[in-house]
């Protein structure tokens, strides 16, 4: 198997583990799911990215990570606003 296939399988396993754990604890929270899946995607993207060349798919990975980080910042801002509203 090539690294990209292993990365896809690893991400699918990670998301499945998160989903099963949330269902078993009966605390399904989309914000926590998103943050944990983003962390998993960041780790896998770092492990798959070659160090000396820039393949074409790397641009798409960076775009996905940029959007994910923007959503992460929005989640953090929402939580901070909830704290200040109390």
PDB file of N, CA and C in Angstrom:
ATOM      1  N   UNK A   1       0.841  -1.190   0.000  1.00  0.00           N
ATOM      2  CA  UNK A   1       0.000   0.000   0.000  1.00  0.00           C
ATOM      3  C   UNK A   1       0.880   1.244   0.000  1.00  0.00           C
ATOM      4  N   UNK A   2       0.392   2.275  -0.641  1.00  0.00           N
ATOM      5  CA  UNK A   2       1.136   3.529  -0.624  1.00  0.00           C
ATOM      6  C   UNK A   2       0.693   4.369   0.570  1.00  0.00           C
ATOM      7  N   UNK A   3       1.479   5.424   0.836  1.00  0.00           N
ATOM      8  CA  UNK A   3       1.225   6.223   2.036  1.00  0.00           C
ATOM      9  C   UNK A   3      -0.155   6.865   2.035  1.00  0.00           C
ATOM     10  N   UNK A   4      -0.641   7.281   0.869  1.00  0.00           N
ATOM     11  CA  UNK A   4      -1.946   7.939   0.822  1.00  0.00           C
ATOM     12  C   UNK A   4      -3.068   6.980   1.201  1.00  0.00           C
ATOM     13  N   UNK A   5      -2.962   5.730   0.766  1.00  0.00           N
ATOM     14  CA  UNK A   5      -3.981   4.745   1.127  1.00  0.00           C
ATOM     15  C   UNK A   5      -3.948   4.442   2.622  1.00  0.00           C
ATOM     16  N   UNK A   6      -2.763   4.337   3.171  1.00  0.00           N
ATOM     17  CA  UNK A   6      -2.631   4.106   4.612  1.00  0.00           C
ATOM     18  C   UNK A   6      -3.204   5.292   5.384  1.00  0.00           C
ATOM     19  N   UNK A   7      -2.983   6.514   4.881  1.00  0.00           N
ATOM     20  CA  UNK A   7      -3.511   7.703   5.546  1.00  0.00           C
ATOM     21  C   UNK A   7      -5.033   7.713   5.531  1.00  0.00           C
ATOM     22  N   UNK A   8      -5.629   7.313   4.423  1.00  0.00           N
ATOM     23  CA  UNK A   8      -7.095   7.272   4.334  1.00  0.00           C
ATOM     24  C   UNK A   8      -7.660   6.245   5.312  1.00  0.00           C
ATOM     25  N   UNK A   9      -7.030   5.085   5.371  1.00  0.00           N
ATOM     26  CA  UNK A   9      -7.487   4.041   6.296  1.00  0.00           C
ATOM     27  C   UNK A   9      -7.321   4.498   7.747  1.00  0.00           C
ATOM     28  N   UNK A  10      -6.187   5.126   8.051  1.00  0.00           N
ATOM     29  CA  UNK A  10      -5.940   5.599   9.419  1.00  0.00           C
ATOM     30  C   UNK A  10      -6.959   6.660   9.824  1.00  0.00           C
ATOM     31  N   UNK A  11      -7.277   7.579   8.911  1.00  0.00           N
ATOM     32  CA  UNK A  11      -8.267   8.615   9.224  1.00  0.00           C
ATOM     33  C   UNK A  11      -9.654   8.009   9.421  1.00  0.00           C
ATOM     34  N   UNK A  12     -10.002   7.028   8.594  1.00  0.00           N
ATOM     35  CA  UNK A  12     -11.299   6.365   8.745  1.00  0.00           C
ATOM     36  C   UNK A  12     -11.384   5.630  10.079  1.00  0.00           C
ATOM     37  N   UNK A  13     -10.314   4.955  10.465  1.00  0.00           N
ATOM     38  CA  UNK A  13     -10.289   4.263  11.762  1.00  0.00           C
ATOM     39  C   UNK A  13     -10.405   5.270  12.896  1.00  0.00           C
ATOM     40  N   UNK A  14      -9.677   6.387  12.811  1.00  0.00           N
ATOM     41  CA  UNK A  14      -9.716   7.428  13.847  1.00  0.00           C
ATOM     42  C   UNK A  14     -11.132   7.986  13.998  1.00  0.00           C
ATOM     43  N   UNK A  15     -11.792   8.304  12.882  1.00  0.00           N
ATOM     44  CA  UNK A  15     -13.145   8.849  12.953  1.00  0.00           C
ATOM     45  C   UNK A  15     -14.132   7.814  13.482  1.00  0.00           C
ATOM     46  N   UNK A  16     -13.930   6.551  13.143  1.00  0.00           N
ATOM     47  CA  UNK A  16     -14.791   5.489  13.665  1.00  0.00           C
ATOM     48  C   UNK A  16     -14.622   5.334  15.171  1.00  0.00           C
ATOM     49  N   UNK A  17     -13.375   5.386  15.639  1.00  0.00           N
ATOM     50  CA  UNK A  17     -13.125   5.273  17.081  1.00  0.00           C
ATOM     51  C   UNK A  17     -13.772   6.436  17.826  1.00  0.00           C
ATOM     52  N   UNK A  18     -13.638   7.633  17.288  1.00  0.00           N
ATOM     53  CA  UNK A  18     -14.265   8.801  17.928  1.00  0.00           C
ATOM     54  C   UNK A  18     -15.777   8.622  17.976  1.00  0.00           C
ATOM     55  N   UNK A  19     -16.365   8.208  16.870  1.00  0.00           N
ATOM     56  CA  UNK A  19     -17.821   8.032  16.809  1.00  0.00           C
ATOM     57  C   UNK A  19     -18.308   6.969  17.790  1.00  0.00           C
ATOM     58  N   UNK A  20     -17.622   5.837  17.816  1.00  0.00           N
ATOM     59  CA  UNK A  20     -18.033   4.762  18.730  1.00  0.00           C
ATOM     60  C   UNK A  20     -17.902   5.206  20.181  1.00  0.00           C
ATOM     61  N   UNK A  21     -16.800   5.878  20.502  1.00  0.00           N
ATOM     62  CA  UNK A  21     -16.608   6.344  21.870  1.00  0.00           C
ATOM     63  C   UNK A  21     -17.693   7.340  22.274  1.00  0.00           C
ATOM     64  N   UNK A  22     -18.060   8.246  21.369  1.00  0.00           N
ATOM     65  CA  UNK A  22     -19.114   9.216  21.679  1.00  0.00           C
ATOM     66  C   UNK A  22     -20.464   8.527  21.842  1.00  0.00           C
ATOM     67  N   UNK A  23     -20.729   7.523  21.012  1.00  0.00           N
ATOM     68  CA  UNK A  23     -21.995   6.810  21.143  1.00  0.00           C
ATOM     69  C   UNK A  23     -22.051   5.992  22.425  1.00  0.00           C
ATOM     70  N   UNK A  24     -20.933   5.386  22.806  1.00  0.00           N
ATOM     71  CA  UNK A  24     -20.916   4.602  24.039  1.00  0.00           C
ATOM     72  C   UNK A  24     -21.081   5.470  25.276  1.00  0.00           C
ATOM     73  N   UNK A  25     -20.530   6.667  25.255  1.00  0.00           N
ATOM     74  CA  UNK A  25     -20.668   7.562  26.399  1.00  0.00           C
ATOM     75  C   UNK A  25     -21.949   8.386  26.331  1.00  0.00           C
ATOM     76  N   UNK A  26     -22.694   8.237  25.233  1.00  0.00           N
ATOM     77  CA  UNK A  26     -23.944   8.963  25.013  1.00  0.00           C
ATOM     78  C   UNK A  26     -23.775  10.471  25.134  1.00  0.00           C
ATOM     79  N   UNK A  27     -22.670  10.974  24.631  1.00  0.00           N
ATOM     80  CA  UNK A  27     -22.427  12.414  24.638  1.00  0.00           C
ATOM     81  C   UNK A  27     -21.948  12.845  23.257  1.00  0.00           C
ATOM     82  N   UNK A  28     -22.866  12.831  22.309  1.00  0.00           N
ATOM     83  CA  UNK A  28     -22.528  13.209  20.944  1.00  0.00           C
ATOM     84  C   UNK A  28     -22.496  14.731  20.864  1.00  0.00           C
ATOM     85  N   UNK A  29     -21.320  15.271  20.580  1.00  0.00           N
ATOM     86  CA  UNK A  29     -21.135  16.717  20.459  1.00  0.00           C
ATOM     87  C   UNK A  29     -20.366  16.952  19.170  1.00  0.00           C
ATOM     88  N   UNK A  30     -20.979  17.657  18.236  1.00  0.00           N
ATOM     89  CA  UNK A  30     -20.353  17.866  16.940  1.00  0.00           C
ATOM     90  C   UNK A  30     -19.096  18.726  17.021  1.00  0.00           C
ATOM     91  N   UNK A  31     -19.062  19.652  17.955  1.00  0.00           N
ATOM     92  CA  UNK A  31     -17.877  20.500  18.096  1.00  0.00           C
ATOM     93  C   UNK A  31     -16.670  19.677  18.542  1.00  0.00           C
ATOM     94  N   UNK A  32     -16.877  18.806  19.508  1.00  0.00           N
ATOM     95  CA  UNK A  32     -15.781  17.945  19.974  1.00  0.00           C
ATOM     96  C   UNK A  32     -15.377  16.979  18.869  1.00  0.00           C
ATOM     97  N   UNK A  33     -16.357  16.433  18.160  1.00  0.00           N
ATOM     98  CA  UNK A  33     -16.056  15.530  17.047  1.00  0.00           C
ATOM     99  C   UNK A  33     -15.226  16.247  15.984  1.00  0.00           C
ATOM    100  N   UNK A  34     -15.602  17.473  15.661  1.00  0.00           N
ATOM    101  CA  UNK A  34     -14.865  18.226  14.653  1.00  0.00           C
ATOM    102  C   UNK A  34     -13.436  18.497  15.096  1.00  0.00           C
ATOM    103  N   UNK A  35     -13.257  18.908  16.332  1.00  0.00           N
ATOM    104  CA  UNK A  35     -11.916  19.214  16.839  1.00  0.00           C
ATOM    105  C   UNK A  35     -11.045  17.958  16.848  1.00  0.00           C
ATOM    106  N   UNK A  36     -11.583  16.842  17.318  1.00  0.00           N
ATOM    107  CA  UNK A  36     -10.806  15.603  17.348  1.00  0.00           C
ATOM    108  C   UNK A  36     -10.488  15.100  15.940  1.00  0.00           C
ATOM    109  N   UNK A  37     -11.439  15.233  15.019  1.00  0.00           N
ATOM    110  CA  UNK A  37     -11.162  14.809  13.649  1.00  0.00           C
ATOM    111  C   UNK A  37     -10.149  15.733  12.985  1.00  0.00           C
ATOM    112  N   UNK A  38     -10.180  17.024  13.293  1.00  0.00           N
ATOM    113  CA  UNK A  38      -9.184  17.950  12.756  1.00  0.00           C
ATOM    114  C   UNK A  38      -7.792  17.629  13.286  1.00  0.00           C
ATOM    115  N   UNK A  39      -7.702  17.295  14.557  1.00  0.00           N
ATOM    116  CA  UNK A  39      -6.409  16.903  15.128  1.00  0.00           C
ATOM    117  C   UNK A  39      -5.879  15.654  14.431  1.00  0.00           C
ATOM    118  N   UNK A  40      -6.732  14.663  14.229  1.00  0.00           N
ATOM    119  CA  UNK A  40      -6.325  13.457  13.524  1.00  0.00           C
ATOM    120  C   UNK A  40      -5.890  13.755  12.101  1.00  0.00           C
ATOM    121  N   UNK A  41      -6.630  14.625  11.409  1.00  0.00           N
ATOM    122  CA  UNK A  41      -6.276  14.986  10.039  1.00  0.00           C
ATOM    123  C   UNK A  41      -4.949  15.732   9.987  1.00  0.00           C
ATOM    124  N   UNK A  42      -4.712  16.613  10.955  1.00  0.00           N
ATOM    125  CA  UNK A  42      -3.434  17.336  11.011  1.00  0.00           C
ATOM    126  C   UNK A  42      -2.260  16.378  11.197  1.00  0.00           C
ATOM    127  N   UNK A  43      -2.413  15.422  12.081  1.00  0.00           N
ATOM    128  CA  UNK A  43      -1.333  14.457  12.337  1.00  0.00           C
ATOM    129  C   UNK A  43      -1.073  13.605  11.098  1.00  0.00           C
ATOM    130  N   UNK A  44      -2.127  13.107  10.491  1.00  0.00           N
ATOM    131  CA  UNK A  44      -1.964  12.254   9.316  1.00  0.00           C
ATOM    132  C   UNK A  44      -1.397  13.056   8.143  1.00  0.00           C
ATOM    133  N   UNK A  45      -1.857  14.299   7.971  1.00  0.00           N
ATOM    134  CA  UNK A  45      -1.327  15.126   6.888  1.00  0.00           C
ATOM    135  C   UNK A  45       0.165  15.393   7.086  1.00  0.00           C
ATOM    136  N   UNK A  46       0.586  15.595   8.315  1.00  0.00           N
ATOM    137  CA  UNK A  46       2.003  15.827   8.592  1.00  0.00           C
ATOM    138  C   UNK A  46       2.823  14.577   8.306  1.00  0.00           C
ATOM    139  N   UNK A  47       2.289  13.416   8.621  1.00  0.00           N
ATOM    140  CA  UNK A  47       3.021  12.175   8.382  1.00  0.00           C
ATOM    141  C   UNK A  47       3.097  11.810   6.899  1.00  0.00           C
ATOM    142  N   UNK A  48       2.096  12.183   6.120  1.00  0.00           N
ATOM    143  CA  UNK A  48       2.059  11.830   4.706  1.00  0.00           C
ATOM    144  C   UNK A  48       2.838  12.821   3.844  1.00  0.00           C
ATOM    145  N   UNK A  49       2.942  14.062   4.269  1.00  0.00           N
ATOM    146  CA  UNK A  49       3.562  15.099   3.456  1.00  0.00           C
ATOM    147  C   UNK A  49       5.052  14.838   3.272  1.00  0.00           C
ATOM    148  N   UNK A  50       5.492  14.759   2.020  1.00  0.00           N
ATOM    149  CA  UNK A  50       6.932  14.598   1.786  1.00  0.00           C
ATOM    150  C   UNK A  50       7.687  15.877   2.144  1.00  0.00           C
ATOM    151  N   UNK A  51       8.935  15.737   2.493  1.00  0.00           N
ATOM    152  CA  UNK A  51       9.692  16.886   2.984  1.00  0.00           C
ATOM    153  C   UNK A  51      10.382  17.676   1.878  1.00  0.00           C
ATOM    154  N   UNK A  52      10.760  17.029   0.775  1.00  0.00           N
ATOM    155  CA  UNK A  52      11.589  17.697  -0.213  1.00  0.00           C
ATOM    156  C   UNK A  52      10.890  17.994  -1.530  1.00  0.00           C
ATOM    157  N   UNK A  53       9.712  17.445  -1.753  1.00  0.00           N
ATOM    158  CA  UNK A  53       8.969  17.735  -2.973  1.00  0.00           C
ATOM    159  C   UNK A  53       7.563  18.179  -2.605  1.00  0.00           C
ATOM    160  N   UNK A  54       6.884  18.849  -3.538  1.00  0.00           N
ATOM    161  CA  UNK A  54       5.520  19.314  -3.307  1.00  0.00           C
ATOM    162  C   UNK A  54       4.593  18.674  -4.336  1.00  0.00           C
ATOM    163  N   UNK A  55       3.945  17.561  -3.977  1.00  0.00           N
ATOM    164  CA  UNK A  55       3.006  16.932  -4.922  1.00  0.00           C
ATOM    165  C   UNK A  55       1.744  17.775  -5.074  1.00  0.00           C
ATOM    166  N   UNK A  56       0.973  17.495  -6.119  1.00  0.00           N
ATOM    167  CA  UNK A  56      -0.224  18.276  -6.421  1.00  0.00           C
ATOM    168  C   UNK A  56      -1.291  18.206  -5.348  1.00  0.00           C
ATOM    169  N   UNK A  57      -1.414  17.049  -4.693  1.00  0.00           N
ATOM    170  CA  UNK A  57      -2.471  16.898  -3.696  1.00  0.00           C
ATOM    171  C   UNK A  57      -2.188  17.702  -2.431  1.00  0.00           C
ATOM    172  N   UNK A  58      -0.963  18.165  -2.255  1.00  0.00           N
ATOM    173  CA  UNK A  58      -0.618  18.915  -1.052  1.00  0.00           C
ATOM    174  C   UNK A  58      -1.377  20.241  -0.978  1.00  0.00           C
ATOM    175  N   UNK A  59      -1.656  20.851  -2.128  1.00  0.00           N
ATOM    176  CA  UNK A  59      -2.406  22.102  -2.140  1.00  0.00           C
ATOM    177  C   UNK A  59      -3.824  21.889  -1.598  1.00  0.00           C
ATOM    178  N   UNK A  60      -4.442  20.770  -1.968  1.00  0.00           N
ATOM    179  CA  UNK A  60      -5.788  20.483  -1.494  1.00  0.00           C
ATOM    180  C   UNK A  60      -5.803  20.198   0.005  1.00  0.00           C
ATOM    181  N   UNK A  61      -4.778  19.513   0.473  1.00  0.00           N
ATOM    182  CA  UNK A  61      -4.670  19.246   1.912  1.00  0.00           C
ATOM    183  C   UNK A  61      -4.522  20.554   2.675  1.00  0.00           C
ATOM    184  N   UNK A  62      -3.718  21.477   2.154  1.00  0.00           N
ATOM    185  CA  UNK A  62      -3.545  22.766   2.821  1.00  0.00           C
ATOM    186  C   UNK A  62      -4.833  23.577   2.807  1.00  0.00           C
ATOM    187  N   UNK A  63      -5.596  23.496   1.718  1.00  0.00           N
ATOM    188  CA  UNK A  63      -6.885  24.192   1.673  1.00  0.00           C
ATOM    189  C   UNK A  63      -7.853  23.635   2.711  1.00  0.00           C
ATOM    190  N   UNK A  64      -7.911  22.311   2.824  1.00  0.00           N
ATOM    191  CA  UNK A  64      -8.782  21.682   3.813  1.00  0.00           C
ATOM    192  C   UNK A  64      -8.356  22.070   5.223  1.00  0.00           C
ATOM    193  N   UNK A  65      -7.051  22.076   5.473  1.00  0.00           N
ATOM    194  CA  UNK A  65      -6.559  22.451   6.798  1.00  0.00           C
ATOM    195  C   UNK A  65      -6.847  23.918   7.112  1.00  0.00           C
ATOM    196  N   UNK A  66      -6.759  24.791   6.114  1.00  0.00           N
ATOM    197  CA  UNK A  66      -7.065  26.206   6.324  1.00  0.00           C
ATOM    198  C   UNK A  66      -8.530  26.396   6.706  1.00  0.00           C
ATOM    199  N   UNK A  67      -9.416  25.738   5.997  1.00  0.00           N
ATOM    200  CA  UNK A  67     -10.845  25.829   6.319  1.00  0.00           C
ATOM    201  C   UNK A  67     -11.117  25.230   7.699  1.00  0.00           C
ATOM    202  N   UNK A  68     -10.478  24.103   7.991  1.00  0.00           N
ATOM    203  CA  UNK A  68     -10.649  23.480   9.299  1.00  0.00           C
ATOM    204  C   UNK A  68     -10.174  24.362  10.436  1.00  0.00           C
ATOM    205  N   UNK A  69      -9.046  25.010  10.244  1.00  0.00           N
ATOM    206  CA  UNK A  69      -8.538  25.915  11.289  1.00  0.00           C
ATOM    207  C   UNK A  69      -9.448  27.130  11.463  1.00  0.00           C
ATOM    208  N   UNK A  70     -10.024  27.622  10.367  1.00  0.00           N
ATOM    209  CA  UNK A  70     -10.959  28.744  10.468  1.00  0.00           C
ATOM    210  C   UNK A  70     -12.200  28.346  11.263  1.00  0.00           C
ATOM    211  N   UNK A  71     -12.720  27.148  11.002  1.00  0.00           N
ATOM    212  CA  UNK A  71     -13.877  26.665  11.760  1.00  0.00           C
ATOM    213  C   UNK A  71     -13.501  26.451  13.224  1.00  0.00           C
ATOM    214  N   UNK A  72     -12.293  25.960  13.468  1.00  0.00           N
ATOM    215  CA  UNK A  72     -11.812  25.776  14.837  1.00  0.00           C
ATOM    216  C   UNK A  72     -11.771  27.113  15.576  1.00  0.00           C
ATOM    217  N   UNK A  73     -11.276  28.147  14.926  1.00  0.00           N
ATOM    218  CA  UNK A  73     -11.235  29.476  15.543  1.00  0.00           C
ATOM    219  C   UNK A  73     -12.651  29.968  15.840  1.00  0.00           C
ATOM    220  N   UNK A  74     -13.594  29.715  14.938  1.00  0.00           N
ATOM    221  CA  UNK A  74     -14.975  30.119  15.182  1.00  0.00           C
ATOM    222  C   UNK A  74     -15.570  29.383  16.382  1.00  0.00           C
ATOM    223  N   UNK A  75     -15.250  28.109  16.527  1.00  0.00           N
ATOM    224  CA  UNK A  75     -15.734  27.346  17.687  1.00  0.00           C
ATOM    225  C   UNK A  75     -15.158  27.924  18.971  1.00  0.00           C
ATOM    226  N   UNK A  76     -13.878  28.236  18.963  1.00  0.00           N
ATOM    227  CA  UNK A  76     -13.241  28.820  20.148  1.00  0.00           C
ATOM    228  C   UNK A  76     -13.859  30.178  20.478  1.00  0.00           C
ATOM    229  N   UNK A  77     -14.075  31.017  19.467  1.00  0.00           N
ATOM    230  CA  UNK A  77     -14.692  32.322  19.707  1.00  0.00           C
ATOM    231  C   UNK A  77     -16.102  32.173  20.267  1.00  0.00           C
ATOM    232  N   UNK A  78     -16.847  31.190  19.767  1.00  0.00           N
ATOM    233  CA  UNK A  78     -18.197  30.942  20.276  1.00  0.00           C
ATOM    234  C   UNK A  78     -18.149  30.551  21.752  1.00  0.00           C
ATOM    235  N   UNK A  79     -17.210  29.679  22.110  1.00  0.00           N
ATOM    236  CA  UNK A  79     -17.082  29.260  23.511  1.00  0.00           C
ATOM    237  C   UNK A  79     -16.674  30.428  24.404  1.00  0.00           C
ATOM    238  N   UNK A  80     -15.781  31.276  23.934  1.00  0.00           N
ATOM    239  CA  UNK A  80     -15.355  32.443  24.713  1.00  0.00           C
ATOM    240  C   UNK A  80     -16.520  33.400  24.905  1.00  0.00           C
ATOM    241  N   UNK A  81     -17.315  33.596  23.855  1.00  0.00           N
ATOM    242  CA  UNK A  81     -18.475  34.482  23.974  1.00  0.00           C
ATOM    243  C   UNK A  81     -19.507  33.917  24.953  1.00  0.00           C
ATOM    244  N   UNK A  82     -19.658  32.581  24.973  1.00  0.00           N
ATOM    245  CA  UNK A  82     -20.565  31.967  25.943  1.00  0.00           C
ATOM    246  C   UNK A  82     -20.084  32.196  27.371  1.00  0.00           C
ATOM    247  N   UNK A  83     -18.772  32.142  27.583  1.00  0.00           N
ATOM    248  CA  UNK A  83     -18.217  32.374  28.913  1.00  0.00           C
ATOM    249  C   UNK A  83     -18.433  33.821  29.332  1.00  0.00           C
ATOM    250  N   UNK A  84     -18.211  34.755  28.410  1.00  0.00           N
ATOM    251  CA  UNK A  84     -18.374  36.167  28.754  1.00  0.00           C
ATOM    252  C   UNK A  84     -19.848  36.551  28.932  1.00  0.00           C
ATOM    253  N   UNK A  85     -20.747  35.812  28.305  1.00  0.00           N
ATOM    254  CA  UNK A  85     -22.180  36.120  28.423  1.00  0.00           C
ATOM    255  C   UNK A  85     -22.736  35.747  29.797  1.00  0.00           C
ATOM    256  N   UNK A  86     -22.041  34.883  30.519  1.00  0.00           N
ATOM    257  CA  UNK A  86     -22.533  34.448  31.835  1.00  0.00           C
ATOM    258  C   UNK A  86     -22.292  35.452  32.893  1.00  0.00           C
TER     259      UNK A  86
END
